[in-house]
Amino acid sequence: MKEKIQELRSIVINELKNINDLSSLDKLRVRYLGKKGEFTKILRGMGALSKEERPVIGKLVNEVREELEKRIDVIKVKLENEVKNDKLKKEKIDITLPGDKISFGHRHPLIQVVEELENVFSKMGFQIVEGPEVETVYNNFDALNSPENHPSRDKSDTFYITEDILLRTHTSPVQIRTMKEKKPPFKIVSAGRTFRFDDVDDTHSPMFHQLEGLVVDKNITMANLKHTIDMFIKELFGEEMKTRFRPHYFPFTEPSAEVDVSCLSCKGEGCEECNGTGWSMELLGCGMVHPKVLKNCEIDPDEYSGFAFGLGVDRIAMVKYGINNIRLLFENDMRFLNQF
């Protein structure tokens, strides 16, 4: 029995010399030292030995097993280090090589203008609110005192989903939602996409962006509206800018006005771009909230009054950046967008 144990020891030691990978090492360990290995078989056959031989053979088997396990552990550590070193060599990065250039994105010019407008009004005490792009006909037209025969309600002008649901034609429904949900006083602005059927040309698109504002409180007058618009224009374009109010008609405001601003090129002096008038194109519409609109939102027009205004964000962006074609804002041409 002793000779067999020593012979197995020699066989294992010789085989270990030829082991070059962890898989083969593990298979050798299982074959000789595992639960069904050769040394386990010897221990199970000790029942046939005499009482005097059992402790001697048991001690010898355990000593040889312990020696072989140590040898296997040493080789295992060596092979694991070799595998780790090979992996490190393959994954080594030459930090002296120039890296790949990472292209960082930036905000779209329209988003930049929206954020700038919102910041201006936030400084003036306005709260920023949002509303859904899919609206009810009531919020989009009826509550805003829009007559049933108004051209904007035609299916040729508005994108209807059902008879009662549509894509909002302006951001004014957000004002209706605010007046229904909140009790005056409040000052809010809301920006977002709006939709109207329109042929695409240099200045028109069926999808465009608006920003609208609303103030409702006691004793609000046209003077408050004009002062707010003047402050906004000066903050946005500069202290030298002037505003001009022209009478207009909107079903949801009375009285109503359109607002022109000084020519950005000549600052009101007169040049070719403004045809010598000193005035730029119409920039926004505004007016005092119609009493019927207040009543539709359960606000007493005898106690409260308010003003509202709305402007095209796309138009502001085009004026601000000198863009002559609205298509450029939506075509995702990186040659154009990278300028901003």
C-alpha atoms as a PDB file:
ATOM      1  CA  MET A   1       0.000   0.000   0.000  1.00  0.00           C
ATOM      2  CA  LYS A   2       2.861   2.381   0.849  1.00  0.00           C
ATOM      3  CA  GLU A   3       4.493   1.662  -2.500  1.00  0.00           C
ATOM      4  CA  LYS A   4       1.219   2.431  -4.335  1.00  0.00           C
ATOM      5  CA  ILE A   5       0.862   5.752  -2.514  1.00  0.00           C
ATOM      6  CA  GLN A   6       4.432   6.785  -3.329  1.00  0.00           C
ATOM      7  CA  GLU A   7       3.934   5.696  -6.930  1.00  0.00           C
ATOM      8  CA  LEU A   8       0.791   7.868  -7.231  1.00  0.00           C
ATOM      9  CA  ARG A   9       2.717  10.777  -5.698  1.00  0.00           C
ATOM     10  CA  SER A  10       5.452  10.458  -8.316  1.00  0.00           C
ATOM     11  CA  ILE A  11       2.906  10.214 -11.141  1.00  0.00           C
ATOM     12  CA  VAL A  12       1.119  13.405 -10.005  1.00  0.00           C
ATOM     13  CA  ILE A  13       4.385  15.340  -9.565  1.00  0.00           C
ATOM     14  CA  ASN A  14       5.537  14.335 -13.082  1.00  0.00           C
ATOM     15  CA  GLU A  15       2.196  15.289 -14.641  1.00  0.00           C
ATOM     16  CA  LEU A  16       2.257  18.647 -12.904  1.00  0.00           C
ATOM     17  CA  LYS A  17       5.463  19.481 -14.766  1.00  0.00           C
ATOM     18  CA  ASN A  18       3.579  19.391 -18.064  1.00  0.00           C
ATOM     19  CA  ILE A  19       0.554  21.417 -16.962  1.00  0.00           C
ATOM     20  CA  ASN A  20       0.260  24.733 -18.888  1.00  0.00           C
ATOM     21  CA  ASP A  21      -3.298  25.885 -18.277  1.00  0.00           C
ATOM     22  CA  LEU A  22      -5.807  26.141 -15.440  1.00  0.00           C
ATOM     23  CA  SER A  23      -8.299  23.780 -17.059  1.00  0.00           C
ATOM     24  CA  SER A  24      -5.813  20.906 -17.246  1.00  0.00           C
ATOM     25  CA  LEU A  25      -4.676  21.615 -13.697  1.00  0.00           C
ATOM     26  CA  ASP A  26      -8.227  21.374 -12.380  1.00  0.00           C
ATOM     27  CA  LYS A  27      -8.833  18.109 -14.228  1.00  0.00           C
ATOM     28  CA  LEU A  28      -5.672  16.602 -12.671  1.00  0.00           C
ATOM     29  CA  ARG A  29      -6.736  17.711  -9.200  1.00  0.00           C
ATOM     30  CA  VAL A  30     -10.167  16.105  -9.604  1.00  0.00           C
ATOM     31  CA  ARG A  31      -8.670  12.864 -11.028  1.00  0.00           C
ATOM     32  CA  TYR A  32      -6.317  12.316  -8.102  1.00  0.00           C
ATOM     33  CA  LEU A  33      -7.618  14.391  -5.160  1.00  0.00           C
ATOM     34  CA  GLY A  34     -11.343  14.700  -5.884  1.00  0.00           C
ATOM     35  CA  LYS A  35     -14.202  12.845  -4.175  1.00  0.00           C
ATOM     36  CA  LYS A  36     -13.827   9.979  -6.624  1.00  0.00           C
ATOM     37  CA  GLY A  37     -10.077  10.416  -7.098  1.00  0.00           C
ATOM     38  CA  GLU A  38      -7.307   7.852  -6.683  1.00  0.00           C
ATOM     39  CA  PHE A  39      -6.349   8.885  -3.164  1.00  0.00           C
ATOM     40  CA  THR A  40      -9.993   8.771  -2.064  1.00  0.00           C
ATOM     41  CA  LYS A  41     -10.194   5.184  -3.367  1.00  0.00           C
ATOM     42  CA  ILE A  42      -7.189   4.251  -1.214  1.00  0.00           C
ATOM     43  CA  LEU A  43      -8.843   5.723   1.872  1.00  0.00           C
ATOM     44  CA  ARG A  44     -12.045   3.810   1.170  1.00  0.00           C
ATOM     45  CA  GLY A  45     -10.076   0.531   0.895  1.00  0.00           C
ATOM     46  CA  MET A  46      -8.423   0.887   4.278  1.00  0.00           C
ATOM     47  CA  GLY A  47     -11.117  -1.289   5.800  1.00  0.00           C
ATOM     48  CA  ALA A  48      -9.213  -4.334   4.524  1.00  0.00           C
ATOM     49  CA  LEU A  49      -6.060  -3.338   6.427  1.00  0.00           C
ATOM     50  CA  SER A  50      -5.127  -4.467   9.903  1.00  0.00           C
ATOM     51  CA  LYS A  51      -5.594  -2.209  12.927  1.00  0.00           C
ATOM     52  CA  GLU A  52      -1.847  -1.591  13.041  1.00  0.00           C
ATOM     53  CA  GLU A  53      -1.601  -0.557   9.352  1.00  0.00           C
ATOM     54  CA  ARG A  54      -4.618   1.776   9.224  1.00  0.00           C
ATOM     55  CA  PRO A  55      -3.181   4.750  11.151  1.00  0.00           C
ATOM     56  CA  VAL A  56       0.144   4.474   9.343  1.00  0.00           C
ATOM     57  CA  ILE A  57      -1.404   4.352   5.877  1.00  0.00           C
ATOM     58  CA  GLY A  58      -4.003   7.045   6.765  1.00  0.00           C
ATOM     59  CA  LYS A  59      -1.255   9.381   7.950  1.00  0.00           C
ATOM     60  CA  LEU A  60       0.804   8.764   4.813  1.00  0.00           C
ATOM     61  CA  VAL A  61      -2.171   9.391   2.498  1.00  0.00           C
ATOM     62  CA  ASN A  62      -3.033  12.674   4.225  1.00  0.00           C
ATOM     63  CA  GLU A  63       0.595  13.856   4.119  1.00  0.00           C
ATOM     64  CA  VAL A  64       0.886  13.104   0.406  1.00  0.00           C
ATOM     65  CA  ARG A  65      -2.495  14.726  -0.318  1.00  0.00           C
ATOM     66  CA  GLU A  66      -1.472  17.855   1.589  1.00  0.00           C
ATOM     67  CA  GLU A  67       1.852  18.026  -0.277  1.00  0.00           C
ATOM     68  CA  LEU A  68       0.183  17.617  -3.666  1.00  0.00           C
ATOM     69  CA  GLU A  69      -2.486  20.235  -2.852  1.00  0.00           C
ATOM     70  CA  LYS A  70       0.256  22.741  -1.999  1.00  0.00           C
ATOM     71  CA  ARG A  71       2.074  21.985  -5.263  1.00  0.00           C
ATOM     72  CA  ILE A  72      -1.183  22.416  -7.189  1.00  0.00           C
ATOM     73  CA  ASP A  73      -1.921  25.733  -5.418  1.00  0.00           C
ATOM     74  CA  VAL A  74       1.526  27.075  -6.289  1.00  0.00           C
ATOM     75  CA  ILE A  75       1.096  26.173  -9.949  1.00  0.00           C
ATOM     76  CA  LYS A  76      -2.460  27.585  -9.946  1.00  0.00           C
ATOM     77  CA  VAL A  77      -1.261  30.972  -8.668  1.00  0.00           C
ATOM     78  CA  LYS A  78       1.492  30.999 -11.291  1.00  0.00           C
ATOM     79  CA  LEU A  79      -0.935  30.206 -14.141  1.00  0.00           C
ATOM     80  CA  GLU A  80      -3.467  32.776 -12.911  1.00  0.00           C
ATOM     81  CA  ASN A  81      -0.778  35.463 -12.905  1.00  0.00           C
ATOM     82  CA  GLU A  82       0.238  34.491 -16.418  1.00  0.00           C
ATOM     83  CA  VAL A  83      -3.369  34.775 -17.609  1.00  0.00           C
ATOM     84  CA  LYS A  84      -3.724  38.151 -15.895  1.00  0.00           C
ATOM     85  CA  ASN A  85      -0.496  39.470 -17.399  1.00  0.00           C
ATOM     86  CA  ASP A  86      -1.495  38.291 -20.886  1.00  0.00           C
ATOM     87  CA  LYS A  87      -4.837  40.068 -20.502  1.00  0.00           C
ATOM     88  CA  LEU A  88      -3.148  43.267 -19.342  1.00  0.00           C
ATOM     89  CA  LYS A  89      -0.819  43.175 -22.358  1.00  0.00           C
ATOM     90  CA  LYS A  90      -3.745  42.737 -24.757  1.00  0.00           C
ATOM     91  CA  GLU A  91      -5.783  45.514 -23.095  1.00  0.00           C
ATOM     92  CA  LYS A  92      -2.883  47.895 -22.695  1.00  0.00           C
ATOM     93  CA  ILE A  93      -3.659  51.434 -23.871  1.00  0.00           C
ATOM     94  CA  ASP A  94      -0.980  53.651 -25.306  1.00  0.00           C
ATOM     95  CA  ILE A  95      -1.792  56.934 -23.593  1.00  0.00           C
ATOM     96  CA  THR A  96       0.707  58.768 -25.835  1.00  0.00           C
ATOM     97  CA  LEU A  97      -1.558  58.258 -28.856  1.00  0.00           C
ATOM     98  CA  PRO A  98      -4.027  61.058 -29.682  1.00  0.00           C
ATOM     99  CA  GLY A  99      -7.529  60.199 -28.474  1.00  0.00           C
ATOM    100  CA  ASP A 100     -10.703  60.132 -30.523  1.00  0.00           C
ATOM    101  CA  LYS A 101     -12.315  63.541 -30.750  1.00  0.00           C
ATOM    102  CA  ILE A 102     -15.612  63.672 -28.859  1.00  0.00           C
ATOM    103  CA  SER A 103     -18.234  65.870 -30.426  1.00  0.00           C
ATOM    104  CA  PHE A 104     -20.296  67.676 -27.797  1.00  0.00           C
ATOM    105  CA  GLY A 105     -23.825  68.745 -28.636  1.00  0.00           C
ATOM    106  CA  HIS A 106     -25.466  72.024 -27.754  1.00  0.00           C
ATOM    107  CA  ARG A 107     -28.936  73.467 -27.501  1.00  0.00           C
ATOM    108  CA  HIS A 108     -30.849  74.117 -30.698  1.00  0.00           C
ATOM    109  CA  PRO A 109     -31.153  77.865 -31.498  1.00  0.00           C
ATOM    110  CA  LEU A 110     -34.914  77.675 -30.895  1.00  0.00           C
ATOM    111  CA  ILE A 111     -34.373  76.141 -27.443  1.00  0.00           C
ATOM    112  CA  GLN A 112     -31.774  78.808 -26.701  1.00  0.00           C
ATOM    113  CA  VAL A 113     -34.292  81.530 -27.556  1.00  0.00           C
ATOM    114  CA  VAL A 114     -37.066  79.870 -25.497  1.00  0.00           C
ATOM    115  CA  GLU A 115     -34.786  79.669 -22.457  1.00  0.00           C
ATOM    116  CA  GLU A 116     -33.684  83.271 -22.925  1.00  0.00           C
ATOM    117  CA  LEU A 117     -37.291  84.458 -23.154  1.00  0.00           C
ATOM    118  CA  GLU A 118     -38.317  82.416 -20.115  1.00  0.00           C
ATOM    119  CA  ASN A 119     -35.375  83.818 -18.133  1.00  0.00           C
ATOM    120  CA  VAL A 120     -36.371  87.378 -18.997  1.00  0.00           C
ATOM    121  CA  PHE A 121     -39.953  86.840 -17.823  1.00  0.00           C
ATOM    122  CA  SER A 122     -38.838  84.879 -14.747  1.00  0.00           C
ATOM    123  CA  LYS A 123     -36.870  87.951 -13.640  1.00  0.00           C
ATOM    124  CA  MET A 124     -40.095  89.930 -14.013  1.00  0.00           C
ATOM    125  CA  GLY A 125     -41.930  87.572 -11.641  1.00  0.00           C
ATOM    126  CA  PHE A 126     -43.661  85.307 -14.162  1.00  0.00           C
ATOM    127  CA  GLN A 127     -44.127  81.603 -13.484  1.00  0.00           C
ATOM    128  CA  ILE A 128     -43.238  79.112 -16.245  1.00  0.00           C
ATOM    129  CA  VAL A 129     -46.072  76.662 -16.987  1.00  0.00           C
ATOM    130  CA  GLU A 130     -46.637  73.965 -19.615  1.00  0.00           C
ATOM    131  CA  GLY A 131     -49.638  72.393 -21.301  1.00  0.00           C
ATOM    132  CA  PRO A 132     -50.488  69.563 -23.713  1.00  0.00           C
ATOM    133  CA  GLU A 133     -50.043  69.894 -27.472  1.00  0.00           C
ATOM    134  CA  VAL A 134     -53.213  67.839 -28.061  1.00  0.00           C
ATOM    135  CA  GLU A 135     -56.112  69.979 -26.853  1.00  0.00           C
ATOM    136  CA  THR A 136     -59.884  70.154 -26.691  1.00  0.00           C
ATOM    137  CA  VAL A 137     -61.797  72.369 -29.082  1.00  0.00           C
ATOM    138  CA  TYR A 138     -63.309  74.082 -26.037  1.00  0.00           C
ATOM    139  CA  ASN A 139     -59.950  75.126 -24.542  1.00  0.00           C
ATOM    140  CA  ASN A 140     -58.488  76.048 -27.930  1.00  0.00           C
ATOM    141  CA  PHE A 141     -61.458  78.021 -29.318  1.00  0.00           C
ATOM    142  CA  ASP A 142     -64.690  78.191 -27.286  1.00  0.00           C
ATOM    143  CA  ALA A 143     -63.271  79.325 -23.942  1.00  0.00           C
ATOM    144  CA  LEU A 144     -61.198  81.934 -25.781  1.00  0.00           C
ATOM    145  CA  ASN A 145     -64.313  83.575 -27.216  1.00  0.00           C
ATOM    146  CA  SER A 146     -63.556  82.432 -30.745  1.00  0.00           C
ATOM    147  CA  PRO A 147     -66.704  82.657 -32.938  1.00  0.00           C
ATOM    148  CA  GLU A 148     -67.935  79.429 -34.484  1.00  0.00           C
ATOM    149  CA  ASN A 149     -67.513  80.922 -37.954  1.00  0.00           C
ATOM    150  CA  HIS A 150     -63.928  82.078 -37.330  1.00  0.00           C
ATOM    151  CA  PRO A 151     -61.658  80.974 -40.220  1.00  0.00           C
ATOM    152  CA  SER A 152     -59.115  79.406 -37.848  1.00  0.00           C
ATOM    153  CA  ARG A 153     -61.729  76.815 -36.835  1.00  0.00           C
ATOM    154  CA  ASP A 154     -62.018  75.455 -40.377  1.00  0.00           C
ATOM    155  CA  LYS A 155     -60.600  71.997 -41.058  1.00  0.00           C
ATOM    156  CA  SER A 156     -58.535  73.585 -43.801  1.00  0.00           C
ATOM    157  CA  ASP A 157     -56.687  75.661 -41.181  1.00  0.00           C
ATOM    158  CA  THR A 158     -56.521  73.371 -38.136  1.00  0.00           C
ATOM    159  CA  PHE A 159     -55.394  69.769 -37.600  1.00  0.00           C
ATOM    160  CA  TYR A 160     -58.383  67.955 -36.067  1.00  0.00           C
ATOM    161  CA  ILE A 161     -58.008  64.498 -34.497  1.00  0.00           C
ATOM    162  CA  THR A 162     -61.737  64.167 -33.756  1.00  0.00           C
ATOM    163  CA  GLU A 163     -64.542  66.712 -33.748  1.00  0.00           C
ATOM    164  CA  ASP A 164     -63.638  67.670 -30.187  1.00  0.00           C
ATOM    165  CA  ILE A 165     -59.862  67.067 -30.153  1.00  0.00           C
ATOM    166  CA  LEU A 166     -57.177  68.883 -32.148  1.00  0.00           C
ATOM    167  CA  LEU A 167     -53.532  69.901 -32.257  1.00  0.00           C
ATOM    168  CA  ARG A 168     -53.445  73.248 -30.501  1.00  0.00           C
ATOM    169  CA  THR A 169     -53.213  76.222 -32.846  1.00  0.00           C
ATOM    170  CA  HIS A 170     -51.620  78.453 -30.185  1.00  0.00           C
ATOM    171  CA  THR A 171     -50.407  78.180 -26.598  1.00  0.00           C
ATOM    172  CA  SER A 172     -53.434  80.140 -25.337  1.00  0.00           C
ATOM    173  CA  PRO A 173     -55.173  76.972 -24.032  1.00  0.00           C
ATOM    174  CA  VAL A 174     -52.509  76.919 -21.313  1.00  0.00           C
ATOM    175  CA  GLN A 175     -53.899  80.262 -20.154  1.00  0.00           C
ATOM    176  CA  ILE A 176     -57.407  78.770 -20.007  1.00  0.00           C
ATOM    177  CA  ARG A 177     -56.157  75.808 -17.988  1.00  0.00           C
ATOM    178  CA  THR A 178     -54.341  78.149 -15.597  1.00  0.00           C
ATOM    179  CA  MET A 179     -57.384  80.388 -15.070  1.00  0.00           C
ATOM    180  CA  LYS A 180     -59.541  77.321 -14.372  1.00  0.00           C
ATOM    181  CA  GLU A 181     -57.082  75.768 -11.933  1.00  0.00           C
ATOM    182  CA  LYS A 182     -55.727  78.797 -10.091  1.00  0.00           C
ATOM    183  CA  LYS A 183     -57.269  81.674  -8.259  1.00  0.00           C
ATOM    184  CA  PRO A 184     -55.985  85.188  -9.152  1.00  0.00           C
ATOM    185  CA  PRO A 185     -53.608  86.889  -8.884  1.00  0.00           C
ATOM    186  CA  PHE A 186     -51.078  85.113 -11.137  1.00  0.00           C
ATOM    187  CA  LYS A 187     -48.467  85.893 -13.797  1.00  0.00           C
ATOM    188  CA  ILE A 188     -47.543  83.057 -16.162  1.00  0.00           C
ATOM    189  CA  VAL A 189     -45.746  82.433 -19.444  1.00  0.00           C
ATOM    190  CA  SER A 190     -45.910  79.258 -21.496  1.00  0.00           C
ATOM    191  CA  ALA A 191     -43.811  78.212 -24.501  1.00  0.00           C
ATOM    192  CA  GLY A 192     -44.280  75.260 -26.818  1.00  0.00           C
ATOM    193  CA  ARG A 193     -45.058  73.869 -30.235  1.00  0.00           C
ATOM    194  CA  THR A 194     -48.244  74.829 -32.053  1.00  0.00           C
ATOM    195  CA  PHE A 195     -49.767  73.566 -35.295  1.00  0.00           C
ATOM    196  CA  ARG A 196     -51.706  75.168 -38.157  1.00  0.00           C
ATOM    197  CA  PHE A 197     -52.156  74.061 -41.724  1.00  0.00           C
ATOM    198  CA  ASP A 198     -49.869  76.300 -43.748  1.00  0.00           C
ATOM    199  CA  ASP A 199     -47.833  76.016 -46.928  1.00  0.00           C
ATOM    200  CA  VAL A 200     -44.110  75.932 -46.208  1.00  0.00           C
ATOM    201  CA  ASP A 201     -42.138  78.925 -47.417  1.00  0.00           C
ATOM    202  CA  ASP A 202     -39.338  81.132 -46.110  1.00  0.00           C
ATOM    203  CA  THR A 203     -41.424  82.435 -43.190  1.00  0.00           C
ATOM    204  CA  HIS A 204     -44.211  79.864 -42.698  1.00  0.00           C
ATOM    205  CA  SER A 205     -44.364  76.307 -41.366  1.00  0.00           C
ATOM    206  CA  PRO A 206     -47.260  74.032 -40.273  1.00  0.00           C
ATOM    207  CA  MET A 207     -45.403  73.502 -36.991  1.00  0.00           C
ATOM    208  CA  PHE A 208     -43.980  76.492 -35.137  1.00  0.00           C
ATOM    209  CA  HIS A 209     -43.259  77.697 -31.607  1.00  0.00           C
ATOM    210  CA  GLN A 210     -45.047  80.288 -29.506  1.00  0.00           C
ATOM    211  CA  LEU A 211     -44.607  81.894 -26.132  1.00  0.00           C
ATOM    212  CA  GLU A 212     -47.618  83.469 -24.464  1.00  0.00           C
ATOM    213  CA  GLY A 213     -48.033  85.356 -21.233  1.00  0.00           C
ATOM    214  CA  LEU A 214     -50.953  86.106 -18.961  1.00  0.00           C
ATOM    215  CA  VAL A 215     -51.432  88.411 -15.983  1.00  0.00           C
ATOM    216  CA  VAL A 216     -54.678  88.466 -13.974  1.00  0.00           C
ATOM    217  CA  ASP A 217     -55.145  90.609 -10.886  1.00  0.00           C
ATOM    218  CA  LYS A 218     -57.204  93.489  -9.562  1.00  0.00           C
ATOM    219  CA  ASN A 219     -56.832  96.875 -11.282  1.00  0.00           C
ATOM    220  CA  ILE A 220     -54.724  95.623 -14.213  1.00  0.00           C
ATOM    221  CA  THR A 221     -54.776  98.173 -17.064  1.00  0.00           C
ATOM    222  CA  MET A 222     -53.375  98.724 -20.552  1.00  0.00           C
ATOM    223  CA  ALA A 223     -50.613 100.762 -18.940  1.00  0.00           C
ATOM    224  CA  ASN A 224     -49.400  97.636 -17.124  1.00  0.00           C
ATOM    225  CA  LEU A 225     -49.380  95.758 -20.433  1.00  0.00           C
ATOM    226  CA  LYS A 226     -47.384  98.442 -22.279  1.00  0.00           C
ATOM    227  CA  HIS A 227     -44.880  98.750 -19.447  1.00  0.00           C
ATOM    228  CA  THR A 228     -44.370  94.965 -19.357  1.00  0.00           C
ATOM    229  CA  ILE A 229     -43.848  94.738 -23.119  1.00  0.00           C
ATOM    230  CA  ASP A 230     -41.441  97.710 -23.096  1.00  0.00           C
ATOM    231  CA  MET A 231     -39.381  96.144 -20.297  1.00  0.00           C
ATOM    232  CA  PHE A 232     -39.318  92.808 -22.117  1.00  0.00           C
ATOM    233  CA  ILE A 233     -38.152  94.304 -25.440  1.00  0.00           C
ATOM    234  CA  LYS A 234     -35.410  96.370 -23.784  1.00  0.00           C
ATOM    235  CA  GLU A 235     -34.206  93.380 -21.760  1.00  0.00           C
ATOM    236  CA  LEU A 236     -34.133  91.178 -24.859  1.00  0.00           C
ATOM    237  CA  PHE A 237     -32.734  93.556 -27.497  1.00  0.00           C
ATOM    238  CA  GLY A 238     -31.209  96.479 -25.597  1.00  0.00           C
ATOM    239  CA  GLU A 239     -32.157  99.697 -23.807  1.00  0.00           C
ATOM    240  CA  GLU A 240     -32.211 101.729 -27.034  1.00  0.00           C
ATOM    241  CA  MET A 241     -35.061  99.666 -28.494  1.00  0.00           C
ATOM    242  CA  LYS A 242     -38.528 101.237 -28.788  1.00  0.00           C
ATOM    243  CA  THR A 243     -41.989  99.729 -29.200  1.00  0.00           C
ATOM    244  CA  ARG A 244     -44.982 100.814 -31.248  1.00  0.00           C
ATOM    245  CA  PHE A 245     -48.520  99.618 -30.501  1.00  0.00           C
ATOM    246  CA  ARG A 246     -51.033  99.387 -33.378  1.00  0.00           C
ATOM    247  CA  PRO A 247     -54.755  98.599 -32.901  1.00  0.00           C
ATOM    248  CA  HIS A 248     -55.713  95.067 -33.938  1.00  0.00           C
ATOM    249  CA  TYR A 249     -58.410  92.453 -33.355  1.00  0.00           C
ATOM    250  CA  PHE A 250     -58.189  89.224 -31.366  1.00  0.00           C
ATOM    251  CA  PRO A 251     -61.376  87.488 -30.131  1.00  0.00           C
ATOM    252  CA  PHE A 252     -59.853  86.790 -26.711  1.00  0.00           C
ATOM    253  CA  THR A 253     -58.636  90.343 -25.922  1.00  0.00           C
ATOM    254  CA  GLU A 254     -60.308  93.754 -25.948  1.00  0.00           C
ATOM    255  CA  PRO A 255     -58.745  96.167 -26.719  1.00  0.00           C
ATOM    256  CA  SER A 256     -56.087  94.373 -28.781  1.00  0.00           C
ATOM    257  CA  ALA A 257     -52.841  95.509 -30.359  1.00  0.00           C
ATOM    258  CA  GLU A 258     -49.901  94.393 -32.442  1.00  0.00           C
ATOM    259  CA  VAL A 259     -46.441  95.504 -31.365  1.00  0.00           C
ATOM    260  CA  ASP A 260     -43.589  96.616 -33.625  1.00  0.00           C
ATOM    261  CA  VAL A 261     -40.024  97.113 -32.420  1.00  0.00           C
ATOM    262  CA  SER A 262     -37.200  99.297 -33.632  1.00  0.00           C
ATOM    263  CA  CYS A 263     -35.162  97.963 -36.550  1.00  0.00           C
ATOM    264  CA  LEU A 264     -32.363  95.833 -35.124  1.00  0.00           C
ATOM    265  CA  SER A 265     -29.946  96.989 -37.803  1.00  0.00           C
ATOM    266  CA  CYS A 266     -30.307 100.755 -37.519  1.00  0.00           C
ATOM    267  CA  LYS A 267     -31.893 101.012 -34.060  1.00  0.00           C
ATOM    268  CA  GLY A 268     -34.676 103.223 -35.421  1.00  0.00           C
ATOM    269  CA  GLU A 269     -32.559 105.545 -37.573  1.00  0.00           C
ATOM    270  CA  GLY A 270     -33.818 104.156 -40.885  1.00  0.00           C
ATOM    271  CA  CYS A 271     -31.974 101.838 -43.274  1.00  0.00           C
ATOM    272  CA  GLU A 272     -32.469  99.583 -46.302  1.00  0.00           C
ATOM    273  CA  GLU A 273     -33.592  96.628 -44.196  1.00  0.00           C
ATOM    274  CA  CYS A 274     -36.501  98.576 -42.698  1.00  0.00           C
ATOM    275  CA  ASN A 275     -37.146 100.586 -45.886  1.00  0.00           C
ATOM    276  CA  GLY A 276     -36.189 103.742 -44.048  1.00  0.00           C
ATOM    277  CA  THR A 277     -39.030 103.438 -41.520  1.00  0.00           C
ATOM    278  CA  GLY A 278     -36.870 102.649 -38.500  1.00  0.00           C
ATOM    279  CA  TRP A 279     -39.242  99.836 -37.524  1.00  0.00           C
ATOM    280  CA  SER A 280     -38.838  96.068 -37.766  1.00  0.00           C
ATOM    281  CA  MET A 281     -41.645  93.642 -38.555  1.00  0.00           C
ATOM    282  CA  GLU A 282     -44.544  93.037 -36.172  1.00  0.00           C
ATOM    283  CA  LEU A 283     -43.161  91.028 -33.259  1.00  0.00           C
ATOM    284  CA  LEU A 284     -46.099  90.108 -31.041  1.00  0.00           C
ATOM    285  CA  GLY A 285     -49.803  90.481 -30.382  1.00  0.00           C
ATOM    286  CA  CYS A 286     -51.360  91.520 -27.089  1.00  0.00           C
ATOM    287  CA  GLY A 287     -54.371  93.005 -25.380  1.00  0.00           C
ATOM    288  CA  MET A 288     -56.558  93.116 -22.295  1.00  0.00           C
ATOM    289  CA  VAL A 289     -58.202  89.781 -21.515  1.00  0.00           C
ATOM    290  CA  HIS A 290     -61.780  89.810 -22.836  1.00  0.00           C
ATOM    291  CA  PRO A 291     -64.408  89.790 -20.023  1.00  0.00           C
ATOM    292  CA  LYS A 292     -66.093  86.769 -21.664  1.00  0.00           C
ATOM    293  CA  VAL A 293     -62.856  84.782 -21.384  1.00  0.00           C
ATOM    294  CA  LEU A 294     -62.661  85.590 -17.673  1.00  0.00           C
ATOM    295  CA  LYS A 295     -66.296  84.520 -17.225  1.00  0.00           C
ATOM    296  CA  ASN A 296     -65.664  81.269 -19.110  1.00  0.00           C
ATOM    297  CA  CYS A 297     -62.994  80.503 -16.516  1.00  0.00           C
ATOM    298  CA  GLU A 298     -65.257  81.510 -13.605  1.00  0.00           C
ATOM    299  CA  ILE A 299     -63.319  84.695 -12.840  1.00  0.00           C
ATOM    300  CA  ASP A 300     -65.421  87.766 -12.064  1.00  0.00           C
ATOM    301  CA  PRO A 301     -64.526  90.474 -14.651  1.00  0.00           C
ATOM    302  CA  ASP A 302     -65.981  93.143 -12.347  1.00  0.00           C
ATOM    303  CA  GLU A 303     -63.376  92.279  -9.725  1.00  0.00           C
ATOM    304  CA  TYR A 304     -60.424  91.144 -11.844  1.00  0.00           C
ATOM    305  CA  SER A 305     -58.841  92.194 -15.109  1.00  0.00           C
ATOM    306  CA  GLY A 306     -55.796  91.056 -16.967  1.00  0.00           C
ATOM    307  CA  PHE A 307     -53.656  91.244 -20.062  1.00  0.00           C
ATOM    308  CA  ALA A 308     -52.230  88.613 -22.407  1.00  0.00           C
ATOM    309  CA  PHE A 309     -49.565  88.589 -25.097  1.00  0.00           C
ATOM    310  CA  GLY A 310     -48.162  86.090 -27.547  1.00  0.00           C
ATOM    311  CA  LEU A 311     -45.164  85.961 -29.827  1.00  0.00           C
ATOM    312  CA  GLY A 312     -43.611  83.581 -32.317  1.00  0.00           C
ATOM    313  CA  VAL A 313     -40.392  82.094 -30.962  1.00  0.00           C
ATOM    314  CA  ASP A 314     -39.291  81.169 -34.488  1.00  0.00           C
ATOM    315  CA  ARG A 315     -39.688  84.792 -35.573  1.00  0.00           C
ATOM    316  CA  ILE A 316     -37.688  86.025 -32.582  1.00  0.00           C
ATOM    317  CA  ALA A 317     -34.920  83.531 -33.433  1.00  0.00           C
ATOM    318  CA  MET A 318     -34.912  84.624 -37.074  1.00  0.00           C
ATOM    319  CA  VAL A 319     -34.693  88.301 -36.117  1.00  0.00           C
ATOM    320  CA  LYS A 320     -32.102  87.704 -33.392  1.00  0.00           C
ATOM    321  CA  TYR A 321     -29.769  85.558 -35.513  1.00  0.00           C
ATOM    322  CA  GLY A 322     -30.470  87.069 -38.937  1.00  0.00           C
ATOM    323  CA  ILE A 323     -32.002  83.849 -40.316  1.00  0.00           C
ATOM    324  CA  ASN A 324     -33.902  84.422 -43.573  1.00  0.00           C
ATOM    325  CA  ASN A 325     -35.527  80.992 -43.981  1.00  0.00           C
ATOM    326  CA  ILE A 326     -37.572  79.209 -41.287  1.00  0.00           C
ATOM    327  CA  ARG A 327     -36.823  75.855 -42.931  1.00  0.00           C
ATOM    328  CA  LEU A 328     -33.258  76.067 -41.620  1.00  0.00           C
ATOM    329  CA  LEU A 329     -34.576  75.739 -38.052  1.00  0.00           C
ATOM    330  CA  PHE A 330     -36.121  72.314 -38.761  1.00  0.00           C
ATOM    331  CA  GLU A 331     -33.872  70.654 -41.357  1.00  0.00           C
ATOM    332  CA  ASN A 332     -31.216  69.444 -38.847  1.00  0.00           C
ATOM    333  CA  ASP A 333     -28.377  70.531 -41.105  1.00  0.00           C
ATOM    334  CA  MET A 334     -25.285  70.441 -38.896  1.00  0.00           C
ATOM    335  CA  ARG A 335     -23.556  73.060 -41.054  1.00  0.00           C
ATOM    336  CA  PHE A 336     -26.290  75.468 -39.969  1.00  0.00           C
ATOM    337  CA  LEU A 337     -26.755  74.302 -36.366  1.00  0.00           C
ATOM    338  CA  ASN A 338     -23.033  74.345 -35.537  1.00  0.00           C
ATOM    339  CA  GLN A 339     -23.059  78.113 -35.987  1.00  0.00           C
ATOM    340  CA  PHE A 340     -24.946  78.378 -32.719  1.00  0.00           C
END
